[in-house]
Amino acid sequence: MTKLLITGLLVGAAAGLVGALCGVGGGIIMVPAFIVALGMTQKVAVATSLAVVVVAGLSGTINNAVNSDLIDWRVVAVTAVGAAVASWFGADLMRSLSNTQLQKGFAILLILVGVRMLLMKG
């Protein structure tokens, strides 16, 4: 249980912070698309992406909860705490950064994740 608690809180905190700064999940698609196609600023695109992900995540969660046993609710409970707290503070941090700083940070994160994925085996 200690491993679950520590891992869940740390993973949740990292996901919450990165999500609040970059847009969760679909942010890799939505944030650039909102900026290019709709002319949004980086901050508005990120905040809008977070709102969309709430609805999309709820839809997928309901489907998985009703039609399968794929969700580990213990992990959800612990990880959600870390994610919610970090996301709250991450949203404050996002608003304090300039659009340029946020855009550069987002681009660096995408490059680092992409390089990491290219170097992974299997």
PDB file of N, CA and C in Angstrom:
ATOM      1  N   MET A   1       0.827  -1.206   0.000  1.00  0.00           N
ATOM      2  CA  MET A   1       0.000   0.000   0.000  1.00  0.00           C
ATOM      3  C   MET A   1       0.866   1.263   0.000  1.00  0.00           C
ATOM      4  N   THR A   2       2.031   1.209   0.673  1.00  0.00           N
ATOM      5  CA  THR A   2       2.914   2.370   0.698  1.00  0.00           C
ATOM      6  C   THR A   2       3.433   2.685  -0.701  1.00  0.00           C
ATOM      7  N   LYS A   3       3.805   1.635  -1.461  1.00  0.00           N
ATOM      8  CA  LYS A   3       4.274   1.837  -2.827  1.00  0.00           C
ATOM      9  C   LYS A   3       3.180   2.477  -3.678  1.00  0.00           C
ATOM     10  N   LEU A   4       1.951   1.998  -3.553  1.00  0.00           N
ATOM     11  CA  LEU A   4       0.821   2.563  -4.284  1.00  0.00           C
ATOM     12  C   LEU A   4       0.631   4.030  -3.916  1.00  0.00           C
ATOM     13  N   LEU A   5       0.668   4.343  -2.643  1.00  0.00           N
ATOM     14  CA  LEU A   5       0.455   5.712  -2.178  1.00  0.00           C
ATOM     15  C   LEU A   5       1.527   6.654  -2.725  1.00  0.00           C
ATOM     16  N   ILE A   6       2.772   6.284  -2.565  1.00  0.00           N
ATOM     17  CA  ILE A   6       3.872   7.143  -3.014  1.00  0.00           C
ATOM     18  C   ILE A   6       3.866   7.270  -4.537  1.00  0.00           C
ATOM     19  N   THR A   7       3.762   6.145  -5.230  1.00  0.00           N
ATOM     20  CA  THR A   7       3.760   6.167  -6.696  1.00  0.00           C
ATOM     21  C   THR A   7       2.566   6.951  -7.215  1.00  0.00           C
ATOM     22  N   GLY A   8       1.390   6.669  -6.681  1.00  0.00           N
ATOM     23  CA  GLY A   8       0.184   7.353  -7.130  1.00  0.00           C
ATOM     24  C   GLY A   8       0.258   8.859  -6.941  1.00  0.00           C
ATOM     25  N   LEU A   9       0.723   9.285  -5.772  1.00  0.00           N
ATOM     26  CA  LEU A   9       0.819  10.722  -5.508  1.00  0.00           C
ATOM     27  C   LEU A   9       1.850  11.396  -6.413  1.00  0.00           C
ATOM     28  N   LEU A  10       3.002  10.748  -6.608  1.00  0.00           N
ATOM     29  CA  LEU A  10       4.042  11.342  -7.451  1.00  0.00           C
ATOM     30  C   LEU A  10       3.637  11.383  -8.923  1.00  0.00           C
ATOM     31  N   VAL A  11       3.082  10.276  -9.409  1.00  0.00           N
ATOM     32  CA  VAL A  11       2.631  10.245 -10.803  1.00  0.00           C
ATOM     33  C   VAL A  11       1.504  11.249 -11.005  1.00  0.00           C
ATOM     34  N   GLY A  12       0.587  11.289 -10.064  1.00  0.00           N
ATOM     35  CA  GLY A  12      -0.517  12.241 -10.146  1.00  0.00           C
ATOM     36  C   GLY A  12      -0.030  13.679 -10.138  1.00  0.00           C
ATOM     37  N   ALA A  13       0.930  13.973  -9.261  1.00  0.00           N
ATOM     38  CA  ALA A  13       1.461  15.329  -9.182  1.00  0.00           C
ATOM     39  C   ALA A  13       2.147  15.721 -10.486  1.00  0.00           C
ATOM     40  N   ALA A  14       2.950  14.821 -11.036  1.00  0.00           N
ATOM     41  CA  ALA A  14       3.630  15.117 -12.302  1.00  0.00           C
ATOM     42  C   ALA A  14       2.610  15.310 -13.426  1.00  0.00           C
ATOM     43  N   ALA A  15       1.636  14.412 -13.503  1.00  0.00           N
ATOM     44  CA  ALA A  15       0.611  14.509 -14.548  1.00  0.00           C
ATOM     45  C   ALA A  15      -0.224  15.770 -14.381  1.00  0.00           C
ATOM     46  N   GLY A  16      -0.569  16.097 -13.163  1.00  0.00           N
ATOM     47  CA  GLY A  16      -1.369  17.298 -12.913  1.00  0.00           C
ATOM     48  C   GLY A  16      -0.625  18.565 -13.284  1.00  0.00           C
ATOM     49  N   LEU A  17       0.654  18.631 -12.916  1.00  0.00           N
ATOM     50  CA  LEU A  17       1.442  19.817 -13.219  1.00  0.00           C
ATOM     51  C   LEU A  17       1.654  19.962 -14.722  1.00  0.00           C
ATOM     52  N   VAL A  18       2.088  18.884 -15.371  1.00  0.00           N
ATOM     53  CA  VAL A  18       2.310  18.938 -16.821  1.00  0.00           C
ATOM     54  C   VAL A  18       0.995  19.188 -17.551  1.00  0.00           C
ATOM     55  N   GLY A  19      -0.074  18.557 -17.083  1.00  0.00           N
ATOM     56  CA  GLY A  19      -1.378  18.764 -17.707  1.00  0.00           C
ATOM     57  C   GLY A  19      -1.845  20.204 -17.615  1.00  0.00           C
ATOM     58  N   ALA A  20      -1.623  20.820 -16.456  1.00  0.00           N
ATOM     59  CA  ALA A  20      -2.049  22.208 -16.281  1.00  0.00           C
ATOM     60  C   ALA A  20      -1.203  23.165 -17.111  1.00  0.00           C
ATOM     61  N   LEU A  21       0.033  22.792 -17.382  1.00  0.00           N
ATOM     62  CA  LEU A  21       0.907  23.655 -18.176  1.00  0.00           C
ATOM     63  C   LEU A  21       0.788  23.410 -19.677  1.00  0.00           C
ATOM     64  N   CYS A  22       0.405  22.198 -20.070  1.00  0.00           N
ATOM     65  CA  CYS A  22       0.437  21.841 -21.499  1.00  0.00           C
ATOM     66  C   CYS A  22      -0.908  21.409 -22.059  1.00  0.00           C
ATOM     67  N   GLY A  23      -1.856  21.101 -21.216  1.00  0.00           N
ATOM     68  CA  GLY A  23      -3.114  20.531 -21.684  1.00  0.00           C
ATOM     69  C   GLY A  23      -3.011  19.024 -21.593  1.00  0.00           C
ATOM     70  N   VAL A  24      -3.951  18.393 -20.971  1.00  0.00           N
ATOM     71  CA  VAL A  24      -3.873  16.963 -20.695  1.00  0.00           C
ATOM     72  C   VAL A  24      -4.178  16.142 -21.936  1.00  0.00           C
ATOM     73  N   GLY A  25      -3.460  15.037 -22.100  1.00  0.00           N
ATOM     74  CA  GLY A  25      -3.775  14.039 -23.111  1.00  0.00           C
ATOM     75  C   GLY A  25      -3.916  14.591 -24.509  1.00  0.00           C
ATOM     76  N   GLY A  26      -5.120  14.902 -24.881  1.00  0.00           N
ATOM     77  CA  GLY A  26      -5.396  15.423 -26.206  1.00  0.00           C
ATOM     78  C   GLY A  26      -4.761  16.779 -26.458  1.00  0.00           C
ATOM     79  N   GLY A  27      -4.115  17.334 -25.450  1.00  0.00           N
ATOM     80  CA  GLY A  27      -3.430  18.610 -25.601  1.00  0.00           C
ATOM     81  C   GLY A  27      -2.367  18.583 -26.674  1.00  0.00           C
ATOM     82  N   ILE A  28      -1.801  17.401 -26.921  1.00  0.00           N
ATOM     83  CA  ILE A  28      -0.797  17.290 -27.968  1.00  0.00           C
ATOM     84  C   ILE A  28      -1.444  17.551 -29.325  1.00  0.00           C
ATOM     85  N   ILE A  29      -2.700  17.228 -29.447  1.00  0.00           N
ATOM     86  CA  ILE A  29      -3.437  17.492 -30.687  1.00  0.00           C
ATOM     87  C   ILE A  29      -4.204  18.804 -30.582  1.00  0.00           C
ATOM     88  N   MET A  30      -4.940  18.955 -29.489  1.00  0.00           N
ATOM     89  CA  MET A  30      -5.832  20.112 -29.366  1.00  0.00           C
ATOM     90  C   MET A  30      -5.101  21.439 -29.265  1.00  0.00           C
ATOM     91  N   VAL A  31      -4.076  21.527 -28.417  1.00  0.00           N
ATOM     92  CA  VAL A  31      -3.423  22.821 -28.205  1.00  0.00           C
ATOM     93  C   VAL A  31      -2.854  23.379 -29.510  1.00  0.00           C
ATOM     94  N   PRO A  32      -2.033  22.613 -30.236  1.00  0.00           N
ATOM     95  CA  PRO A  32      -1.550  23.170 -31.510  1.00  0.00           C
ATOM     96  C   PRO A  32      -2.687  23.471 -32.499  1.00  0.00           C
ATOM     97  N   ALA A  33      -3.695  22.608 -32.552  1.00  0.00           N
ATOM     98  CA  ALA A  33      -4.809  22.835 -33.482  1.00  0.00           C
ATOM     99  C   ALA A  33      -5.589  24.090 -33.113  1.00  0.00           C
ATOM    100  N   PHE A  34      -5.842  24.302 -31.842  1.00  0.00           N
ATOM    101  CA  PHE A  34      -6.560  25.505 -31.412  1.00  0.00           C
ATOM    102  C   PHE A  34      -5.763  26.768 -31.746  1.00  0.00           C
ATOM    103  N   ILE A  35      -4.437  26.686 -31.593  1.00  0.00           N
ATOM    104  CA  ILE A  35      -3.592  27.847 -31.883  1.00  0.00           C
ATOM    105  C   ILE A  35      -3.578  28.139 -33.383  1.00  0.00           C
ATOM    106  N   VAL A  36      -3.329  27.105 -34.170  1.00  0.00           N
ATOM    107  CA  VAL A  36      -3.198  27.291 -35.622  1.00  0.00           C
ATOM    108  C   VAL A  36      -4.551  27.545 -36.284  1.00  0.00           C
ATOM    109  N   ALA A  37      -5.536  26.694 -36.011  1.00  0.00           N
ATOM    110  CA  ALA A  37      -6.814  26.770 -36.729  1.00  0.00           C
ATOM    111  C   ALA A  37      -7.753  27.833 -36.175  1.00  0.00           C
ATOM    112  N   LEU A  38      -7.700  28.061 -34.872  1.00  0.00           N
ATOM    113  CA  LEU A  38      -8.648  29.005 -34.269  1.00  0.00           C
ATOM    114  C   LEU A  38      -8.005  30.304 -33.800  1.00  0.00           C
ATOM    115  N   GLY A  39      -6.676  30.394 -33.903  1.00  0.00           N
ATOM    116  CA  GLY A  39      -5.988  31.629 -33.539  1.00  0.00           C
ATOM    117  C   GLY A  39      -5.945  31.918 -32.049  1.00  0.00           C
ATOM    118  N   MET A  40      -6.098  30.884 -31.216  1.00  0.00           N
ATOM    119  CA  MET A  40      -6.048  31.079 -29.765  1.00  0.00           C
ATOM    120  C   MET A  40      -4.609  31.344 -29.320  1.00  0.00           C
ATOM    121  N   THR A  41      -4.465  32.015 -28.191  1.00  0.00           N
ATOM    122  CA  THR A  41      -3.146  32.121 -27.571  1.00  0.00           C
ATOM    123  C   THR A  41      -2.832  30.782 -26.903  1.00  0.00           C
ATOM    124  N   GLN A  42      -1.571  30.577 -26.568  1.00  0.00           N
ATOM    125  CA  GLN A  42      -1.151  29.336 -25.913  1.00  0.00           C
ATOM    126  C   GLN A  42      -1.951  29.099 -24.628  1.00  0.00           C
ATOM    127  N   LYS A  43      -2.104  30.128 -23.813  1.00  0.00           N
ATOM    128  CA  LYS A  43      -2.812  29.985 -22.533  1.00  0.00           C
ATOM    129  C   LYS A  43      -4.275  29.606 -22.725  1.00  0.00           C
ATOM    130  N   VAL A  44      -4.945  30.264 -23.645  1.00  0.00           N
ATOM    131  CA  VAL A  44      -6.359  29.965 -23.896  1.00  0.00           C
ATOM    132  C   VAL A  44      -6.499  28.551 -24.471  1.00  0.00           C
ATOM    133  N   ALA A  45      -5.581  28.165 -25.342  1.00  0.00           N
ATOM    134  CA  ALA A  45      -5.625  26.821 -25.927  1.00  0.00           C
ATOM    135  C   ALA A  45      -5.423  25.748 -24.851  1.00  0.00           C
ATOM    136  N   VAL A  46      -4.484  25.970 -23.943  1.00  0.00           N
ATOM    137  CA  VAL A  46      -4.232  25.004 -22.862  1.00  0.00           C
ATOM    138  C   VAL A  46      -5.450  24.902 -21.951  1.00  0.00           C
ATOM    139  N   ALA A  47      -5.974  26.028 -21.515  1.00  0.00           N
ATOM    140  CA  ALA A  47      -7.126  26.017 -20.604  1.00  0.00           C
ATOM    141  C   ALA A  47      -8.346  25.388 -21.270  1.00  0.00           C
ATOM    142  N   THR A  48      -8.545  25.669 -22.542  1.00  0.00           N
ATOM    143  CA  THR A  48      -9.666  25.088 -23.279  1.00  0.00           C
ATOM    144  C   THR A  48      -9.484  23.576 -23.418  1.00  0.00           C
ATOM    145  N   SER A  49      -8.266  23.144 -23.706  1.00  0.00           N
ATOM    146  CA  SER A  49      -7.962  21.721 -23.813  1.00  0.00           C
ATOM    147  C   SER A  49      -8.281  20.990 -22.508  1.00  0.00           C
ATOM    148  N   LEU A  50      -7.927  21.591 -21.378  1.00  0.00           N
ATOM    149  CA  LEU A  50      -8.219  20.963 -20.085  1.00  0.00           C
ATOM    150  C   LEU A  50      -9.717  20.768 -19.895  1.00  0.00           C
ATOM    151  N   ALA A  51     -10.501  21.759 -20.291  1.00  0.00           N
ATOM    152  CA  ALA A  51     -11.955  21.653 -20.151  1.00  0.00           C
ATOM    153  C   ALA A  51     -12.521  20.553 -21.040  1.00  0.00           C
ATOM    154  N   VAL A  52     -12.010  20.447 -22.267  1.00  0.00           N
ATOM    155  CA  VAL A  52     -12.474  19.396 -23.184  1.00  0.00           C
ATOM    156  C   VAL A  52     -12.123  18.019 -22.628  1.00  0.00           C
ATOM    157  N   VAL A  53     -10.934  17.887 -22.063  1.00  0.00           N
ATOM    158  CA  VAL A  53     -10.475  16.593 -21.546  1.00  0.00           C
ATOM    159  C   VAL A  53     -11.354  16.120 -20.392  1.00  0.00           C
ATOM    160  N   VAL A  54     -11.900  17.036 -19.613  1.00  0.00           N
ATOM    161  CA  VAL A  54     -12.803  16.636 -18.528  1.00  0.00           C
ATOM    162  C   VAL A  54     -13.994  15.867 -19.098  1.00  0.00           C
ATOM    163  N   VAL A  55     -14.598  16.421 -20.138  1.00  0.00           N
ATOM    164  CA  VAL A  55     -15.770  15.789 -20.754  1.00  0.00           C
ATOM    165  C   VAL A  55     -15.382  14.473 -21.432  1.00  0.00           C
ATOM    166  N   ALA A  56     -14.301  14.487 -22.207  1.00  0.00           N
ATOM    167  CA  ALA A  56     -13.852  13.277 -22.907  1.00  0.00           C
ATOM    168  C   ALA A  56     -13.447  12.189 -21.911  1.00  0.00           C
ATOM    169  N   GLY A  57     -12.734  12.572 -20.877  1.00  0.00           N
ATOM    170  CA  GLY A  57     -12.311  11.599 -19.863  1.00  0.00           C
ATOM    171  C   GLY A  57     -13.490  10.985 -19.139  1.00  0.00           C
ATOM    172  N   LEU A  58     -14.480  11.782 -18.835  1.00  0.00           N
ATOM    173  CA  LEU A  58     -15.676  11.269 -18.170  1.00  0.00           C
ATOM    174  C   LEU A  58     -16.411  10.278 -19.063  1.00  0.00           C
ATOM    175  N   SER A  59     -16.510  10.602 -20.336  1.00  0.00           N
ATOM    176  CA  SER A  59     -17.177   9.716 -21.283  1.00  0.00           C
ATOM    177  C   SER A  59     -16.470   8.358 -21.370  1.00  0.00           C
ATOM    178  N   GLY A  60     -15.161   8.380 -21.539  1.00  0.00           N
ATOM    179  CA  GLY A  60     -14.400   7.132 -21.615  1.00  0.00           C
ATOM    180  C   GLY A  60     -14.422   6.352 -20.309  1.00  0.00           C
ATOM    181  N   THR A  61     -14.381   7.068 -19.198  1.00  0.00           N
ATOM    182  CA  THR A  61     -14.414   6.415 -17.887  1.00  0.00           C
ATOM    183  C   THR A  61     -15.743   5.711 -17.666  1.00  0.00           C
ATOM    184  N   ILE A  62     -16.834   6.361 -18.011  1.00  0.00           N
ATOM    185  CA  ILE A  62     -18.148   5.735 -17.855  1.00  0.00           C
ATOM    186  C   ILE A  62     -18.222   4.471 -18.705  1.00  0.00           C
ATOM    187  N   ASN A  63     -17.761   4.554 -19.945  1.00  0.00           N
ATOM    188  CA  ASN A  63     -17.789   3.389 -20.828  1.00  0.00           C
ATOM    189  C   ASN A  63     -16.960   2.247 -20.240  1.00  0.00           C
ATOM    190  N   ASN A  64     -15.757   2.546 -19.775  1.00  0.00           N
ATOM    191  CA  ASN A  64     -14.912   1.503 -19.188  1.00  0.00           C
ATOM    192  C   ASN A  64     -15.488   0.946 -17.894  1.00  0.00           C
ATOM    193  N   ALA A  65     -16.085   1.783 -17.093  1.00  0.00           N
ATOM    194  CA  ALA A  65     -16.652   1.331 -15.821  1.00  0.00           C
ATOM    195  C   ALA A  65     -17.863   0.433 -16.033  1.00  0.00           C
ATOM    196  N   VAL A  66     -18.663   0.744 -17.022  1.00  0.00           N
ATOM    197  CA  VAL A  66     -19.885  -0.015 -17.290  1.00  0.00           C
ATOM    198  C   VAL A  66     -19.591  -1.310 -18.048  1.00  0.00           C
ATOM    199  N   ASN A  67     -18.663  -1.265 -18.977  1.00  0.00           N
ATOM    200  CA  ASN A  67     -18.454  -2.382 -19.892  1.00  0.00           C
ATOM    201  C   ASN A  67     -17.222  -3.240 -19.613  1.00  0.00           C
ATOM    202  N   SER A  68     -16.467  -2.948 -18.570  1.00  0.00           N
ATOM    203  CA  SER A  68     -15.272  -3.745 -18.290  1.00  0.00           C
ATOM    204  C   SER A  68     -14.826  -3.535 -16.856  1.00  0.00           C
ATOM    205  N   ASP A  69     -13.790  -4.264 -16.497  1.00  0.00           N
ATOM    206  CA  ASP A  69     -13.198  -4.103 -15.172  1.00  0.00           C
ATOM    207  C   ASP A  69     -11.763  -3.590 -15.312  1.00  0.00           C
ATOM    208  N   LEU A  70     -11.538  -2.715 -16.267  1.00  0.00           N
ATOM    209  CA  LEU A  70     -10.195  -2.229 -16.569  1.00  0.00           C
ATOM    210  C   LEU A  70      -9.691  -1.161 -15.601  1.00  0.00           C
ATOM    211  N   ILE A  71     -10.550  -0.505 -14.874  1.00  0.00           N
ATOM    212  CA  ILE A  71     -10.134   0.613 -14.024  1.00  0.00           C
ATOM    213  C   ILE A  71      -9.739   0.102 -12.643  1.00  0.00           C
ATOM    214  N   ASP A  72      -8.538   0.463 -12.217  1.00  0.00           N
ATOM    215  CA  ASP A  72      -8.082   0.152 -10.857  1.00  0.00           C
ATOM    216  C   ASP A  72      -8.416   1.374  -9.997  1.00  0.00           C
ATOM    217  N   TRP A  73      -9.545   1.316  -9.317  1.00  0.00           N
ATOM    218  CA  TRP A  73     -10.066   2.466  -8.582  1.00  0.00           C
ATOM    219  C   TRP A  73      -9.180   2.876  -7.412  1.00  0.00           C
ATOM    220  N   ARG A  74      -8.391   1.936  -6.860  1.00  0.00           N
ATOM    221  CA  ARG A  74      -7.449   2.296  -5.782  1.00  0.00           C
ATOM    222  C   ARG A  74      -6.387   3.245  -6.336  1.00  0.00           C
ATOM    223  N   VAL A  75      -5.864   2.913  -7.520  1.00  0.00           N
ATOM    224  CA  VAL A  75      -4.862   3.769  -8.145  1.00  0.00           C
ATOM    225  C   VAL A  75      -5.483   5.110  -8.527  1.00  0.00           C
ATOM    226  N   VAL A  76      -6.702   5.091  -9.032  1.00  0.00           N
ATOM    227  CA  VAL A  76      -7.402   6.330  -9.375  1.00  0.00           C
ATOM    228  C   VAL A  76      -7.504   7.238  -8.147  1.00  0.00           C
ATOM    229  N   ALA A  77      -7.934   6.675  -7.032  1.00  0.00           N
ATOM    230  CA  ALA A  77      -8.145   7.473  -5.821  1.00  0.00           C
ATOM    231  C   ALA A  77      -6.861   8.168  -5.371  1.00  0.00           C
ATOM    232  N   VAL A  78      -5.766   7.434  -5.354  1.00  0.00           N
ATOM    233  CA  VAL A  78      -4.502   7.998  -4.882  1.00  0.00           C
ATOM    234  C   VAL A  78      -3.918   8.969  -5.904  1.00  0.00           C
ATOM    235  N   THR A  79      -3.882   8.562  -7.151  1.00  0.00           N
ATOM    236  CA  THR A  79      -3.268   9.379  -8.191  1.00  0.00           C
ATOM    237  C   THR A  79      -4.066  10.660  -8.429  1.00  0.00           C
ATOM    238  N   ALA A  80      -5.372  10.579  -8.328  1.00  0.00           N
ATOM    239  CA  ALA A  80      -6.214  11.760  -8.534  1.00  0.00           C
ATOM    240  C   ALA A  80      -5.931  12.847  -7.499  1.00  0.00           C
ATOM    241  N   VAL A  81      -5.601  12.452  -6.284  1.00  0.00           N
ATOM    242  CA  VAL A  81      -5.278  13.448  -5.253  1.00  0.00           C
ATOM    243  C   VAL A  81      -4.043  14.242  -5.658  1.00  0.00           C
ATOM    244  N   GLY A  82      -2.978  13.527  -6.020  1.00  0.00           N
ATOM    245  CA  GLY A  82      -1.755  14.214  -6.454  1.00  0.00           C
ATOM    246  C   GLY A  82      -1.991  15.061  -7.691  1.00  0.00           C
ATOM    247  N   ALA A  83      -2.757  14.535  -8.641  1.00  0.00           N
ATOM    248  CA  ALA A  83      -3.028  15.258  -9.884  1.00  0.00           C
ATOM    249  C   ALA A  83      -3.847  16.518  -9.633  1.00  0.00           C
ATOM    250  N   ALA A  84      -4.855  16.406  -8.797  1.00  0.00           N
ATOM    251  CA  ALA A  84      -5.722  17.554  -8.536  1.00  0.00           C
ATOM    252  C   ALA A  84      -4.961  18.689  -7.846  1.00  0.00           C
ATOM    253  N   VAL A  85      -4.160  18.346  -6.853  1.00  0.00           N
ATOM    254  CA  VAL A  85      -3.399  19.375  -6.132  1.00  0.00           C
ATOM    255  C   VAL A  85      -2.378  20.031  -7.050  1.00  0.00           C
ATOM    256  N   ALA A  86      -1.605  19.218  -7.781  1.00  0.00           N
ATOM    257  CA  ALA A  86      -0.581  19.774  -8.665  1.00  0.00           C
ATOM    258  C   ALA A  86      -1.204  20.566  -9.809  1.00  0.00           C
ATOM    259  N   SER A  87      -2.342  20.113 -10.314  1.00  0.00           N
ATOM    260  CA  SER A  87      -3.013  20.815 -11.397  1.00  0.00           C
ATOM    261  C   SER A  87      -3.507  22.189 -10.941  1.00  0.00           C
ATOM    262  N   TRP A  88      -3.997  22.262  -9.719  1.00  0.00           N
ATOM    263  CA  TRP A  88      -4.453  23.546  -9.173  1.00  0.00           C
ATOM    264  C   TRP A  88      -3.312  24.561  -9.188  1.00  0.00           C
ATOM    265  N   PHE A  89      -2.153  24.139  -8.656  1.00  0.00           N
ATOM    266  CA  PHE A  89      -0.999  25.038  -8.605  1.00  0.00           C
ATOM    267  C   PHE A  89      -0.381  25.228  -9.991  1.00  0.00           C
ATOM    268  N   GLY A  90      -0.451  24.204 -10.829  1.00  0.00           N
ATOM    269  CA  GLY A  90       0.049  24.317 -12.192  1.00  0.00           C
ATOM    270  C   GLY A  90      -0.726  25.341 -13.002  1.00  0.00           C
ATOM    271  N   ALA A  91      -2.034  25.417 -12.778  1.00  0.00           N
ATOM    272  CA  ALA A  91      -2.854  26.411 -13.479  1.00  0.00           C
ATOM    273  C   ALA A  91      -2.435  27.827 -13.074  1.00  0.00           C
ATOM    274  N   ASP A  92      -2.113  28.011 -11.800  1.00  0.00           N
ATOM    275  CA  ASP A  92      -1.595  29.313 -11.358  1.00  0.00           C
ATOM    276  C   ASP A  92      -0.265  29.621 -12.032  1.00  0.00           C
ATOM    277  N   LEU A  93       0.610  28.613 -12.087  1.00  0.00           N
ATOM    278  CA  LEU A  93       1.908  28.791 -12.733  1.00  0.00           C
ATOM    279  C   LEU A  93       1.730  29.114 -14.214  1.00  0.00           C
ATOM    280  N   MET A  94       0.818  28.411 -14.874  1.00  0.00           N
ATOM    281  CA  MET A  94       0.566  28.648 -16.298  1.00  0.00           C
ATOM    282  C   MET A  94       0.157  30.101 -16.539  1.00  0.00           C
ATOM    283  N   ARG A  95      -0.710  30.626 -15.702  1.00  0.00           N
ATOM    284  CA  ARG A  95      -1.167  32.009 -15.883  1.00  0.00           C
ATOM    285  C   ARG A  95      -0.046  33.014 -15.626  1.00  0.00           C
ATOM    286  N   SER A  96       0.946  32.638 -14.821  1.00  0.00           N
ATOM    287  CA  SER A  96       2.028  33.572 -14.510  1.00  0.00           C
ATOM    288  C   SER A  96       3.105  33.606 -15.600  1.00  0.00           C
ATOM    289  N   LEU A  97       3.102  32.602 -16.491  1.00  0.00           N
ATOM    290  CA  LEU A  97       4.078  32.561 -17.581  1.00  0.00           C
ATOM    291  C   LEU A  97       3.539  33.331 -18.785  1.00  0.00           C
ATOM    292  N   SER A  98       4.456  33.830 -19.589  1.00  0.00           N
ATOM    293  CA  SER A  98       4.019  34.471 -20.830  1.00  0.00           C
ATOM    294  C   SER A  98       3.620  33.386 -21.830  1.00  0.00           C
ATOM    295  N   ASN A  99       2.860  33.763 -22.844  1.00  0.00           N
ATOM    296  CA  ASN A  99       2.500  32.803 -23.884  1.00  0.00           C
ATOM    297  C   ASN A  99       3.746  32.218 -24.547  1.00  0.00           C
ATOM    298  N   THR A 100       4.757  33.049 -24.748  1.00  0.00           N
ATOM    299  CA  THR A 100       5.999  32.588 -25.372  1.00  0.00           C
ATOM    300  C   THR A 100       6.712  31.569 -24.485  1.00  0.00           C
ATOM    301  N   GLN A 101       6.819  31.853 -23.192  1.00  0.00           N
ATOM    302  CA  GLN A 101       7.458  30.911 -22.271  1.00  0.00           C
ATOM    303  C   GLN A 101       6.707  29.578 -22.249  1.00  0.00           C
ATOM    304  N   LEU A 102       5.411  29.666 -22.210  1.00  0.00           N
ATOM    305  CA  LEU A 102       4.586  28.462 -22.163  1.00  0.00           C
ATOM    306  C   LEU A 102       4.721  27.670 -23.462  1.00  0.00           C
ATOM    307  N   GLN A 103       4.725  28.353 -24.582  1.00  0.00           N
ATOM    308  CA  GLN A 103       4.848  27.691 -25.877  1.00  0.00           C
ATOM    309  C   GLN A 103       6.207  27.000 -26.004  1.00  0.00           C
ATOM    310  N   LYS A 104       7.270  27.662 -25.578  1.00  0.00           N
ATOM    311  CA  LYS A 104       8.608  27.064 -25.637  1.00  0.00           C
ATOM    312  C   LYS A 104       8.706  25.858 -24.705  1.00  0.00           C
ATOM    313  N   GLY A 105       8.160  25.971 -23.508  1.00  0.00           N
ATOM    314  CA  GLY A 105       8.174  24.853 -22.569  1.00  0.00           C
ATOM    315  C   GLY A 105       7.415  23.654 -23.124  1.00  0.00           C
ATOM    316  N   PHE A 106       6.281  23.901 -23.738  1.00  0.00           N
ATOM    317  CA  PHE A 106       5.475  22.849 -24.350  1.00  0.00           C
ATOM    318  C   PHE A 106       6.256  22.172 -25.471  1.00  0.00           C
ATOM    319  N   ALA A 107       6.915  22.959 -26.307  1.00  0.00           N
ATOM    320  CA  ALA A 107       7.700  22.412 -27.419  1.00  0.00           C
ATOM    321  C   ALA A 107       8.861  21.568 -26.900  1.00  0.00           C
ATOM    322  N   ILE A 108       9.537  22.037 -25.875  1.00  0.00           N
ATOM    323  CA  ILE A 108      10.653  21.280 -25.288  1.00  0.00           C
ATOM    324  C   ILE A 108      10.159  19.956 -24.729  1.00  0.00           C
ATOM    325  N   LEU A 109       9.020  19.984 -24.039  1.00  0.00           N
ATOM    326  CA  LEU A 109       8.458  18.748 -23.491  1.00  0.00           C
ATOM    327  C   LEU A 109       8.149  17.756 -24.611  1.00  0.00           C
ATOM    328  N   LEU A 110       7.541  18.216 -25.688  1.00  0.00           N
ATOM    329  CA  LEU A 110       7.218  17.331 -26.806  1.00  0.00           C
ATOM    330  C   LEU A 110       8.480  16.728 -27.421  1.00  0.00           C
ATOM    331  N   ILE A 111       9.510  17.531 -27.560  1.00  0.00           N
ATOM    332  CA  ILE A 111      10.773  17.028 -28.119  1.00  0.00           C
ATOM    333  C   ILE A 111      11.380  15.975 -27.195  1.00  0.00           C
ATOM    334  N   LEU A 112      11.435  16.270 -25.901  1.00  0.00           N
ATOM    335  CA  LEU A 112      12.017  15.316 -24.946  1.00  0.00           C
ATOM    336  C   LEU A 112      11.248  14.002 -24.922  1.00  0.00           C
ATOM    337  N   VAL A 113       9.935  14.073 -24.905  1.00  0.00           N
ATOM    338  CA  VAL A 113       9.118  12.858 -24.902  1.00  0.00           C
ATOM    339  C   VAL A 113       9.308  12.099 -26.216  1.00  0.00           C
ATOM    340  N   GLY A 114       9.340  12.817 -27.334  1.00  0.00           N
ATOM    341  CA  GLY A 114       9.540  12.179 -28.628  1.00  0.00           C
ATOM    342  C   GLY A 114      10.880  11.468 -28.716  1.00  0.00           C
ATOM    343  N   VAL A 115      11.945  12.119 -28.266  1.00  0.00           N
ATOM    344  CA  VAL A 115      13.269  11.495 -28.281  1.00  0.00           C
ATOM    345  C   VAL A 115      13.283  10.274 -27.375  1.00  0.00           C
ATOM    346  N   ARG A 116      12.681  10.391 -26.211  1.00  0.00           N
ATOM    347  CA  ARG A 116      12.621   9.255 -25.278  1.00  0.00           C
ATOM    348  C   ARG A 116      11.905   8.064 -25.925  1.00  0.00           C
ATOM    349  N   MET A 117      10.807   8.344 -26.596  1.00  0.00           N
ATOM    350  CA  MET A 117      10.050   7.271 -27.254  1.00  0.00           C
ATOM    351  C   MET A 117      10.865   6.640 -28.382  1.00  0.00           C
ATOM    352  N   LEU A 118      11.622   7.443 -29.121  1.00  0.00           N
ATOM    353  CA  LEU A 118      12.447   6.903 -30.196  1.00  0.00           C
ATOM    354  C   LEU A 118      13.555   5.989 -29.658  1.00  0.00           C
ATOM    355  N   LEU A 119      14.034   6.281 -28.464  1.00  0.00           N
ATOM    356  CA  LEU A 119      15.130   5.506 -27.887  1.00  0.00           C
ATOM    357  C   LEU A 119      14.654   4.267 -27.115  1.00  0.00           C
ATOM    358  N   MET A 120      13.352   4.155 -26.875  1.00  0.00           N
ATOM    359  CA  MET A 120      12.813   3.013 -26.132  1.00  0.00           C
ATOM    360  C   MET A 120      12.911   1.751 -26.966  1.00  0.00           C
ATOM    361  N   LYS A 121      13.119   0.650 -26.288  1.00  0.00           N
ATOM    362  CA  LYS A 121      13.136  -0.654 -26.964  1.00  0.00           C
ATOM    363  C   LYS A 121      11.782  -1.323 -26.771  1.00  0.00           C
ATOM    364  N   GLY A 122      11.382  -2.062 -27.812  1.00  0.00           N
ATOM    365  CA  GLY A 122      10.178  -2.869 -27.716  1.00  0.00           C
ATOM    366  C   GLY A 122       8.947  -2.108 -27.888  1.00  0.00           C
TER     367      GLY A 122
END
